[in-house]
Amino acid sequence: MQRALGYIQHIGPESTVQYETFTCGHCNGIVRMQKDVSLQSLDMAIRQGKEKRDIRRCHGCDRLTCPSCQKNPTCTPFERVLEAVERRARLRAL
């Protein structure tokens, strides 16, 4: 899980705000976490089976997913999508 975590820093004229982020395992999108949810508390909650708000792990690939990917009942990790695209490109090249 640690590979997919990071942070965004918004620098404004009056203040600087940092948000912790994660990369969705299905669409490869960057998702900003709620301000009161830290990476440590998220990791602890996931280990205890108590997931926080809109942040959940996919039971198929065991990766963090964004709210829009959670609506899709099938598990399709981003790497699997890329492999399918590469496979089609190889077949067309023949």
PDB file of N, CA and C in Angstrom:
ATOM      1  N   MET A   1       0.820  -1.189   0.000  1.00  0.00           N
ATOM      2  CA  MET A   1       0.000   0.000   0.000  1.00  0.00           C
ATOM      3  C   MET A   1       0.864   1.252   0.000  1.00  0.00           C
ATOM      4  N   GLN A   2       2.030   1.233   0.567  1.00  0.00           N
ATOM      5  CA  GLN A   2       2.829   2.438   0.709  1.00  0.00           C
ATOM      6  C   GLN A   2       3.226   3.061  -0.628  1.00  0.00           C
ATOM      7  N   ARG A   3       3.333   2.273  -1.702  1.00  0.00           N
ATOM      8  CA  ARG A   3       3.709   2.822  -3.002  1.00  0.00           C
ATOM      9  C   ARG A   3       2.697   3.824  -3.517  1.00  0.00           C
ATOM     10  N   ALA A   4       1.440   3.637  -3.220  1.00  0.00           N
ATOM     11  CA  ALA A   4       0.381   4.430  -3.828  1.00  0.00           C
ATOM     12  C   ALA A   4       0.035   5.683  -3.034  1.00  0.00           C
ATOM     13  N   LEU A   5       0.788   6.019  -2.012  1.00  0.00           N
ATOM     14  CA  LEU A   5       0.444   7.148  -1.157  1.00  0.00           C
ATOM     15  C   LEU A   5       1.331   8.348  -1.437  1.00  0.00           C
ATOM     16  N   GLY A   6       0.782   9.554  -1.214  1.00  0.00           N
ATOM     17  CA  GLY A   6       1.536  10.784  -1.427  1.00  0.00           C
ATOM     18  C   GLY A   6       0.811  11.963  -0.824  1.00  0.00           C
ATOM     19  N   TYR A   7       1.159  13.171  -1.269  1.00  0.00           N
ATOM     20  CA  TYR A   7       0.453  14.355  -0.797  1.00  0.00           C
ATOM     21  C   TYR A   7       0.470  15.437  -1.863  1.00  0.00           C
ATOM     22  N   ILE A   8      -0.491  16.345  -1.752  1.00  0.00           N
ATOM     23  CA  ILE A   8      -0.607  17.506  -2.630  1.00  0.00           C
ATOM     24  C   ILE A   8      -0.488  18.730  -1.745  1.00  0.00           C
ATOM     25  N   GLN A   9       0.203  19.733  -2.236  1.00  0.00           N
ATOM     26  CA  GLN A   9       0.353  20.967  -1.481  1.00  0.00           C
ATOM     27  C   GLN A   9      -0.225  22.108  -2.312  1.00  0.00           C
ATOM     28  N   HIS A  10      -1.268  22.763  -1.783  1.00  0.00           N
ATOM     29  CA  HIS A  10      -1.871  23.925  -2.433  1.00  0.00           C
ATOM     30  C   HIS A  10      -1.281  25.172  -1.786  1.00  0.00           C
ATOM     31  N   ILE A  11      -0.595  25.984  -2.596  1.00  0.00           N
ATOM     32  CA  ILE A  11       0.005  27.207  -2.079  1.00  0.00           C
ATOM     33  C   ILE A  11      -0.848  28.369  -2.563  1.00  0.00           C
ATOM     34  N   GLY A  12      -1.487  29.029  -1.625  1.00  0.00           N
ATOM     35  CA  GLY A  12      -2.343  30.154  -1.948  1.00  0.00           C
ATOM     36  C   GLY A  12      -1.736  31.456  -1.473  1.00  0.00           C
ATOM     37  N   PRO A  13      -2.406  32.582  -1.771  1.00  0.00           N
ATOM     38  CA  PRO A  13      -1.862  33.879  -1.355  1.00  0.00           C
ATOM     39  C   PRO A  13      -1.863  34.060   0.169  1.00  0.00           C
ATOM     40  N   GLU A  14      -2.786  33.399   0.850  1.00  0.00           N
ATOM     41  CA  GLU A  14      -2.889  33.590   2.292  1.00  0.00           C
ATOM     42  C   GLU A  14      -2.381  32.413   3.109  1.00  0.00           C
ATOM     43  N   SER A  15      -2.453  31.205   2.547  1.00  0.00           N
ATOM     44  CA  SER A  15      -2.032  30.042   3.335  1.00  0.00           C
ATOM     45  C   SER A  15      -1.610  28.898   2.417  1.00  0.00           C
ATOM     46  N   THR A  16      -0.988  27.914   3.026  1.00  0.00           N
ATOM     47  CA  THR A  16      -0.598  26.697   2.335  1.00  0.00           C
ATOM     48  C   THR A  16      -1.320  25.534   2.985  1.00  0.00           C
ATOM     49  N   VAL A  17      -1.951  24.695   2.162  1.00  0.00           N
ATOM     50  CA  VAL A  17      -2.709  23.562   2.680  1.00  0.00           C
ATOM     51  C   VAL A  17      -2.151  22.288   2.056  1.00  0.00           C
ATOM     52  N   GLN A  18      -1.939  21.270   2.883  1.00  0.00           N
ATOM     53  CA  GLN A  18      -1.479  19.983   2.384  1.00  0.00           C
ATOM     54  C   GLN A  18      -2.570  18.940   2.563  1.00  0.00           C
ATOM     55  N   TYR A  19      -2.731  18.102   1.547  1.00  0.00           N
ATOM     56  CA  TYR A  19      -3.677  17.003   1.606  1.00  0.00           C
ATOM     57  C   TYR A  19      -2.926  15.712   1.297  1.00  0.00           C
ATOM     58  N   GLU A  20      -3.227  14.668   2.021  1.00  0.00           N
ATOM     59  CA  GLU A  20      -2.650  13.375   1.719  1.00  0.00           C
ATOM     60  C   GLU A  20      -3.466  12.741   0.597  1.00  0.00           C
ATOM     61  N   THR A  21      -2.809  11.969  -0.256  1.00  0.00           N
ATOM     62  CA  THR A  21      -3.455  11.387  -1.433  1.00  0.00           C
ATOM     63  C   THR A  21      -3.119   9.908  -1.547  1.00  0.00           C
ATOM     64  N   PHE A  22      -3.861   9.234  -2.406  1.00  0.00           N
ATOM     65  CA  PHE A  22      -3.511   7.872  -2.804  1.00  0.00           C
ATOM     66  C   PHE A  22      -3.876   7.701  -4.270  1.00  0.00           C
ATOM     67  N   THR A  23      -3.280   6.719  -4.907  1.00  0.00           N
ATOM     68  CA  THR A  23      -3.548   6.414  -6.303  1.00  0.00           C
ATOM     69  C   THR A  23      -4.521   5.252  -6.369  1.00  0.00           C
ATOM     70  N   CYS A  24      -5.606   5.431  -7.098  1.00  0.00           N
ATOM     71  CA  CYS A  24      -6.614   4.381  -7.230  1.00  0.00           C
ATOM     72  C   CYS A  24      -6.015   3.200  -7.994  1.00  0.00           C
ATOM     73  N   GLY A  25      -6.226   2.005  -7.487  1.00  0.00           N
ATOM     74  CA  GLY A  25      -5.684   0.810  -8.111  1.00  0.00           C
ATOM     75  C   GLY A  25      -6.412   0.384  -9.365  1.00  0.00           C
ATOM     76  N   HIS A  26      -7.603   0.956  -9.623  1.00  0.00           N
ATOM     77  CA  HIS A  26      -8.377   0.552 -10.793  1.00  0.00           C
ATOM     78  C   HIS A  26      -8.287   1.555 -11.935  1.00  0.00           C
ATOM     79  N   CYS A  27      -8.368   2.853 -11.661  1.00  0.00           N
ATOM     80  CA  CYS A  27      -8.342   3.850 -12.742  1.00  0.00           C
ATOM     81  C   CYS A  27      -7.039   4.644 -12.783  1.00  0.00           C
ATOM     82  N   ASN A  28      -6.160   4.435 -11.798  1.00  0.00           N
ATOM     83  CA  ASN A  28      -4.874   5.115 -11.692  1.00  0.00           C
ATOM     84  C   ASN A  28      -5.035   6.613 -11.448  1.00  0.00           C
ATOM     85  N   GLY A  29      -6.193   7.021 -10.953  1.00  0.00           N
ATOM     86  CA  GLY A  29      -6.428   8.420 -10.634  1.00  0.00           C
ATOM     87  C   GLY A  29      -5.889   8.772  -9.254  1.00  0.00           C
ATOM     88  N   ILE A  30      -5.557  10.052  -9.072  1.00  0.00           N
ATOM     89  CA  ILE A  30      -5.076  10.528  -7.779  1.00  0.00           C
ATOM     90  C   ILE A  30      -6.293  11.001  -6.983  1.00  0.00           C
ATOM     91  N   VAL A  31      -6.418  10.507  -5.758  1.00  0.00           N
ATOM     92  CA  VAL A  31      -7.574  10.822  -4.921  1.00  0.00           C
ATOM     93  C   VAL A  31      -7.093  11.550  -3.679  1.00  0.00           C
ATOM     94  N   ARG A  32      -7.684  12.714  -3.415  1.00  0.00           N
ATOM     95  CA  ARG A  32      -7.347  13.479  -2.220  1.00  0.00           C
ATOM     96  C   ARG A  32      -8.174  12.970  -1.054  1.00  0.00           C
ATOM     97  N   MET A  33      -7.517  12.713   0.057  1.00  0.00           N
ATOM     98  CA  MET A  33      -8.225  12.235   1.245  1.00  0.00           C
ATOM     99  C   MET A  33      -8.842  13.413   1.991  1.00  0.00           C
ATOM    100  N   GLN A  34      -9.817  13.105   2.814  1.00  0.00           N
ATOM    101  CA  GLN A  34     -10.416  14.120   3.663  1.00  0.00           C
ATOM    102  C   GLN A  34      -9.343  14.720   4.562  1.00  0.00           C
ATOM    103  N   LYS A  35      -9.499  15.956   4.947  1.00  0.00           N
ATOM    104  CA  LYS A  35      -8.475  16.640   5.736  1.00  0.00           C
ATOM    105  C   LYS A  35      -8.239  15.966   7.086  1.00  0.00           C
ATOM    106  N   ASP A  36      -9.264  15.378   7.677  1.00  0.00           N
ATOM    107  CA  ASP A  36      -9.118  14.779   9.002  1.00  0.00           C
ATOM    108  C   ASP A  36      -8.696  13.310   8.956  1.00  0.00           C
ATOM    109  N   VAL A  37      -8.445  12.762   7.756  1.00  0.00           N
ATOM    110  CA  VAL A  37      -8.012  11.370   7.618  1.00  0.00           C
ATOM    111  C   VAL A  37      -6.531  11.376   7.261  1.00  0.00           C
ATOM    112  N   SER A  38      -5.701  10.786   8.113  1.00  0.00           N
ATOM    113  CA  SER A  38      -4.276  10.695   7.818  1.00  0.00           C
ATOM    114  C   SER A  38      -3.954   9.317   7.268  1.00  0.00           C
ATOM    115  N   LEU A  39      -2.805   9.199   6.645  1.00  0.00           N
ATOM    116  CA  LEU A  39      -2.387   7.916   6.089  1.00  0.00           C
ATOM    117  C   LEU A  39      -2.225   6.870   7.186  1.00  0.00           C
ATOM    118  N   GLN A  40      -1.711   7.287   8.336  1.00  0.00           N
ATOM    119  CA  GLN A  40      -1.528   6.344   9.439  1.00  0.00           C
ATOM    120  C   GLN A  40      -2.863   5.858   9.971  1.00  0.00           C
ATOM    121  N   SER A  41      -3.823   6.768  10.147  1.00  0.00           N
ATOM    122  CA  SER A  41      -5.127   6.348  10.660  1.00  0.00           C
ATOM    123  C   SER A  41      -5.855   5.491   9.635  1.00  0.00           C
ATOM    124  N   LEU A  42      -5.671   5.786   8.335  1.00  0.00           N
ATOM    125  CA  LEU A  42      -6.286   4.988   7.279  1.00  0.00           C
ATOM    126  C   LEU A  42      -5.702   3.577   7.283  1.00  0.00           C
ATOM    127  N   ASP A  43      -4.375   3.475   7.368  1.00  0.00           N
ATOM    128  CA  ASP A  43      -3.723   2.177   7.377  1.00  0.00           C
ATOM    129  C   ASP A  43      -4.172   1.355   8.584  1.00  0.00           C
ATOM    130  N   MET A  44      -4.259   1.987   9.735  1.00  0.00           N
ATOM    131  CA  MET A  44      -4.696   1.296  10.947  1.00  0.00           C
ATOM    132  C   MET A  44      -6.147   0.838  10.811  1.00  0.00           C
ATOM    133  N   ALA A  45      -7.007   1.691  10.253  1.00  0.00           N
ATOM    134  CA  ALA A  45      -8.420   1.346  10.088  1.00  0.00           C
ATOM    135  C   ALA A  45      -8.582   0.174   9.119  1.00  0.00           C
ATOM    136  N   ILE A  46      -7.782   0.171   8.047  1.00  0.00           N
ATOM    137  CA  ILE A  46      -7.878  -0.917   7.076  1.00  0.00           C
ATOM    138  C   ILE A  46      -7.418  -2.225   7.709  1.00  0.00           C
ATOM    139  N   ARG A  47      -6.354  -2.171   8.494  1.00  0.00           N
ATOM    140  CA  ARG A  47      -5.868  -3.388   9.156  1.00  0.00           C
ATOM    141  C   ARG A  47      -6.903  -3.945  10.126  1.00  0.00           C
ATOM    142  N   GLN A  48      -7.668  -3.055  10.770  1.00  0.00           N
ATOM    143  CA  GLN A  48      -8.684  -3.495  11.722  1.00  0.00           C
ATOM    144  C   GLN A  48     -10.009  -3.818  11.045  1.00  0.00           C
ATOM    145  N   GLY A  49     -10.098  -3.603   9.735  1.00  0.00           N
ATOM    146  CA  GLY A  49     -11.330  -3.891   9.008  1.00  0.00           C
ATOM    147  C   GLY A  49     -12.364  -2.788   9.099  1.00  0.00           C
ATOM    148  N   LYS A  50     -11.976  -1.611   9.581  1.00  0.00           N
ATOM    149  CA  LYS A  50     -12.894  -0.469   9.694  1.00  0.00           C
ATOM    150  C   LYS A  50     -12.450   0.585   8.691  1.00  0.00           C
ATOM    151  N   GLU A  51     -13.001   0.555   7.501  1.00  0.00           N
ATOM    152  CA  GLU A  51     -12.564   1.475   6.467  1.00  0.00           C
ATOM    153  C   GLU A  51     -13.199   2.845   6.668  1.00  0.00           C
ATOM    154  N   LYS A  52     -12.497   3.882   6.257  1.00  0.00           N
ATOM    155  CA  LYS A  52     -12.936   5.256   6.468  1.00  0.00           C
ATOM    156  C   LYS A  52     -13.716   5.781   5.271  1.00  0.00           C
ATOM    157  N   ARG A  53     -14.844   6.313   5.490  1.00  0.00           N
ATOM    158  CA  ARG A  53     -15.672   7.040   4.529  1.00  0.00           C
ATOM    159  C   ARG A  53     -15.636   6.480   3.119  1.00  0.00           C
ATOM    160  N   ASP A  54     -15.109   7.258   2.175  1.00  0.00           N
ATOM    161  CA  ASP A  54     -15.127   6.848   0.768  1.00  0.00           C
ATOM    162  C   ASP A  54     -13.869   6.095   0.353  1.00  0.00           C
ATOM    163  N   ILE A  55     -12.986   5.814   1.289  1.00  0.00           N
ATOM    164  CA  ILE A  55     -11.745   5.135   0.953  1.00  0.00           C
ATOM    165  C   ILE A  55     -11.886   3.666   1.312  1.00  0.00           C
ATOM    166  N   ARG A  56     -11.811   2.805   0.315  1.00  0.00           N
ATOM    167  CA  ARG A  56     -11.981   1.378   0.570  1.00  0.00           C
ATOM    168  C   ARG A  56     -10.982   0.584  -0.252  1.00  0.00           C
ATOM    169  N   ARG A  57     -10.703  -0.595   0.209  1.00  0.00           N
ATOM    170  CA  ARG A  57      -9.865  -1.526  -0.535  1.00  0.00           C
ATOM    171  C   ARG A  57     -10.749  -2.423  -1.381  1.00  0.00           C
ATOM    172  N   CYS A  58     -10.266  -2.762  -2.567  1.00  0.00           N
ATOM    173  CA  CYS A  58     -10.951  -3.736  -3.407  1.00  0.00           C
ATOM    174  C   CYS A  58     -10.639  -5.109  -2.841  1.00  0.00           C
ATOM    175  N   HIS A  59     -11.642  -5.925  -2.699  1.00  0.00           N
ATOM    176  CA  HIS A  59     -11.437  -7.266  -2.149  1.00  0.00           C
ATOM    177  C   HIS A  59     -10.800  -8.202  -3.169  1.00  0.00           C
ATOM    178  N   GLY A  60     -10.846  -7.845  -4.446  1.00  0.00           N
ATOM    179  CA  GLY A  60     -10.252  -8.687  -5.476  1.00  0.00           C
ATOM    180  C   GLY A  60      -8.750  -8.504  -5.607  1.00  0.00           C
ATOM    181  N   CYS A  61      -8.294  -7.230  -5.626  1.00  0.00           N
ATOM    182  CA  CYS A  61      -6.867  -6.959  -5.840  1.00  0.00           C
ATOM    183  C   CYS A  61      -6.181  -6.386  -4.606  1.00  0.00           C
ATOM    184  N   ASP A  62      -6.932  -6.097  -3.555  1.00  0.00           N
ATOM    185  CA  ASP A  62      -6.400  -5.584  -2.289  1.00  0.00           C
ATOM    186  C   ASP A  62      -5.707  -4.237  -2.453  1.00  0.00           C
ATOM    187  N   ARG A  63      -6.276  -3.368  -3.304  1.00  0.00           N
ATOM    188  CA  ARG A  63      -5.729  -2.026  -3.512  1.00  0.00           C
ATOM    189  C   ARG A  63      -6.764  -0.989  -3.131  1.00  0.00           C
ATOM    190  N   LEU A  64      -6.296   0.219  -2.781  1.00  0.00           N
ATOM    191  CA  LEU A  64      -7.207   1.314  -2.491  1.00  0.00           C
ATOM    192  C   LEU A  64      -7.899   1.747  -3.775  1.00  0.00           C
ATOM    193  N   THR A  65      -9.197   2.046  -3.684  1.00  0.00           N
ATOM    194  CA  THR A  65      -9.951   2.472  -4.863  1.00  0.00           C
ATOM    195  C   THR A  65     -10.696   3.767  -4.577  1.00  0.00           C
ATOM    196  N   CYS A  66     -10.938   4.535  -5.636  1.00  0.00           N
ATOM    197  CA  CYS A  66     -11.654   5.799  -5.514  1.00  0.00           C
ATOM    198  C   CYS A  66     -13.157   5.531  -5.447  1.00  0.00           C
ATOM    199  N   PRO A  67     -13.957   6.516  -5.036  1.00  0.00           N
ATOM    200  CA  PRO A  67     -15.410   6.312  -4.928  1.00  0.00           C
ATOM    201  C   PRO A  67     -16.078   5.917  -6.241  1.00  0.00           C
ATOM    202  N   SER A  68     -15.627   6.436  -7.376  1.00  0.00           N
ATOM    203  CA  SER A  68     -16.273   6.078  -8.642  1.00  0.00           C
ATOM    204  C   SER A  68     -15.966   4.631  -9.039  1.00  0.00           C
ATOM    205  N   CYS A  69     -14.776   4.140  -8.744  1.00  0.00           N
ATOM    206  CA  CYS A  69     -14.444   2.745  -9.059  1.00  0.00           C
ATOM    207  C   CYS A  69     -15.113   1.774  -8.092  1.00  0.00           C
ATOM    208  N   GLN A  70     -15.465   2.243  -6.918  1.00  0.00           N
ATOM    209  CA  GLN A  70     -16.138   1.381  -5.950  1.00  0.00           C
ATOM    210  C   GLN A  70     -17.533   1.012  -6.419  1.00  0.00           C
ATOM    211  N   LYS A  71     -18.113   1.838  -7.275  1.00  0.00           N
ATOM    212  CA  LYS A  71     -19.463   1.557  -7.789  1.00  0.00           C
ATOM    213  C   LYS A  71     -19.461   0.402  -8.779  1.00  0.00           C
ATOM    214  N   ASN A  72     -18.310   0.142  -9.411  1.00  0.00           N
ATOM    215  CA  ASN A  72     -18.195  -0.949 -10.376  1.00  0.00           C
ATOM    216  C   ASN A  72     -17.967  -2.256  -9.613  1.00  0.00           C
ATOM    217  N   PRO A  73     -18.823  -3.245  -9.775  1.00  0.00           N
ATOM    218  CA  PRO A  73     -18.698  -4.471  -8.980  1.00  0.00           C
ATOM    219  C   PRO A  73     -17.549  -5.381  -9.391  1.00  0.00           C
ATOM    220  N   THR A  74     -16.972  -5.178 -10.579  1.00  0.00           N
ATOM    221  CA  THR A  74     -15.882  -6.051 -11.017  1.00  0.00           C
ATOM    222  C   THR A  74     -14.529  -5.463 -10.648  1.00  0.00           C
ATOM    223  N   CYS A  75     -13.569  -6.343 -10.430  1.00  0.00           N
ATOM    224  CA  CYS A  75     -12.206  -5.923 -10.109  1.00  0.00           C
ATOM    225  C   CYS A  75     -11.392  -5.910 -11.393  1.00  0.00           C
ATOM    226  N   THR A  76     -10.989  -4.721 -11.835  1.00  0.00           N
ATOM    227  CA  THR A  76     -10.151  -4.589 -13.017  1.00  0.00           C
ATOM    228  C   THR A  76      -8.990  -3.657 -12.682  1.00  0.00           C
ATOM    229  N   PRO A  77      -7.879  -4.196 -12.165  1.00  0.00           N
ATOM    230  CA  PRO A  77      -6.728  -3.342 -11.847  1.00  0.00           C
ATOM    231  C   PRO A  77      -6.178  -2.655 -13.093  1.00  0.00           C
ATOM    232  N   PHE A  78      -5.580  -1.504 -12.907  1.00  0.00           N
ATOM    233  CA  PHE A  78      -5.075  -0.703 -14.012  1.00  0.00           C
ATOM    234  C   PHE A  78      -4.033  -1.463 -14.825  1.00  0.00           C
ATOM    235  N   GLU A  79      -3.201  -2.250 -14.179  1.00  0.00           N
ATOM    236  CA  GLU A  79      -2.186  -3.021 -14.903  1.00  0.00           C
ATOM    237  C   GLU A  79      -2.828  -4.020 -15.869  1.00  0.00           C
ATOM    238  N   ARG A  80      -3.939  -4.605 -15.462  1.00  0.00           N
ATOM    239  CA  ARG A  80      -4.641  -5.562 -16.321  1.00  0.00           C
ATOM    240  C   ARG A  80      -5.208  -4.861 -17.559  1.00  0.00           C
ATOM    241  N   VAL A  81      -5.681  -3.634 -17.396  1.00  0.00           N
ATOM    242  CA  VAL A  81      -6.186  -2.858 -18.533  1.00  0.00           C
ATOM    243  C   VAL A  81      -5.049  -2.568 -19.504  1.00  0.00           C
ATOM    244  N   LEU A  82      -3.886  -2.164 -18.975  1.00  0.00           N
ATOM    245  CA  LEU A  82      -2.735  -1.887 -19.837  1.00  0.00           C
ATOM    246  C   LEU A  82      -2.270  -3.138 -20.576  1.00  0.00           C
ATOM    247  N   GLU A  83      -2.258  -4.278 -19.901  1.00  0.00           N
ATOM    248  CA  GLU A  83      -1.871  -5.526 -20.542  1.00  0.00           C
ATOM    249  C   GLU A  83      -2.810  -5.865 -21.701  1.00  0.00           C
ATOM    250  N   ALA A  84      -4.106  -5.625 -21.525  1.00  0.00           N
ATOM    251  CA  ALA A  84      -5.075  -5.892 -22.592  1.00  0.00           C
ATOM    252  C   ALA A  84      -4.834  -4.977 -23.791  1.00  0.00           C
ATOM    253  N   VAL A  85      -4.515  -3.721 -23.530  1.00  0.00           N
ATOM    254  CA  VAL A  85      -4.233  -2.779 -24.620  1.00  0.00           C
ATOM    255  C   VAL A  85      -2.986  -3.215 -25.374  1.00  0.00           C
ATOM    256  N   GLU A  86      -1.941  -3.603 -24.635  1.00  0.00           N
ATOM    257  CA  GLU A  86      -0.708  -4.059 -25.286  1.00  0.00           C
ATOM    258  C   GLU A  86      -0.940  -5.334 -26.101  1.00  0.00           C
ATOM    259  N   ARG A  87      -1.753  -6.245 -25.583  1.00  0.00           N
ATOM    260  CA  ARG A  87      -2.064  -7.484 -26.285  1.00  0.00           C
ATOM    261  C   ARG A  87      -2.781  -7.202 -27.600  1.00  0.00           C
ATOM    262  N   ARG A  88      -3.752  -6.267 -27.561  1.00  0.00           N
ATOM    263  CA  ARG A  88      -4.466  -5.909 -28.787  1.00  0.00           C
ATOM    264  C   ARG A  88      -3.534  -5.261 -29.799  1.00  0.00           C
ATOM    265  N   ALA A  89      -2.617  -4.433 -29.324  1.00  0.00           N
ATOM    266  CA  ALA A  89      -1.671  -3.764 -30.231  1.00  0.00           C
ATOM    267  C   ALA A  89      -0.744  -4.789 -30.898  1.00  0.00           C
ATOM    268  N   ARG A  90      -0.316  -5.785 -30.141  1.00  0.00           N
ATOM    269  CA  ARG A  90       0.530  -6.832 -30.706  1.00  0.00           C
ATOM    270  C   ARG A  90      -0.212  -7.629 -31.762  1.00  0.00           C
ATOM    271  N   LEU A  91      -1.489  -7.946 -31.517  1.00  0.00           N
ATOM    272  CA  LEU A  91      -2.290  -8.701 -32.479  1.00  0.00           C
ATOM    273  C   LEU A  91      -2.527  -7.908 -33.762  1.00  0.00           C
ATOM    274  N   ARG A  92      -2.715  -6.594 -33.640  1.00  0.00           N
ATOM    275  CA  ARG A  92      -2.928  -5.765 -34.827  1.00  0.00           C
ATOM    276  C   ARG A  92      -1.665  -5.639 -35.649  1.00  0.00           C
ATOM    277  N   ALA A  93      -0.506  -5.728 -34.975  1.00  0.00           N
ATOM    278  CA  ALA A  93       0.769  -5.584 -35.681  1.00  0.00           C
ATOM    279  C   ALA A  93       1.106  -6.807 -36.535  1.00  0.00           C
ATOM    280  N   LEU A  94       0.463  -7.925 -36.239  1.00  0.00           N
ATOM    281  CA  LEU A  94       0.772  -9.159 -37.000  1.00  0.00           C
ATOM    282  C   LEU A  94       0.274  -9.100 -38.406  1.00  0.00           C
TER     283      LEU A  94
END
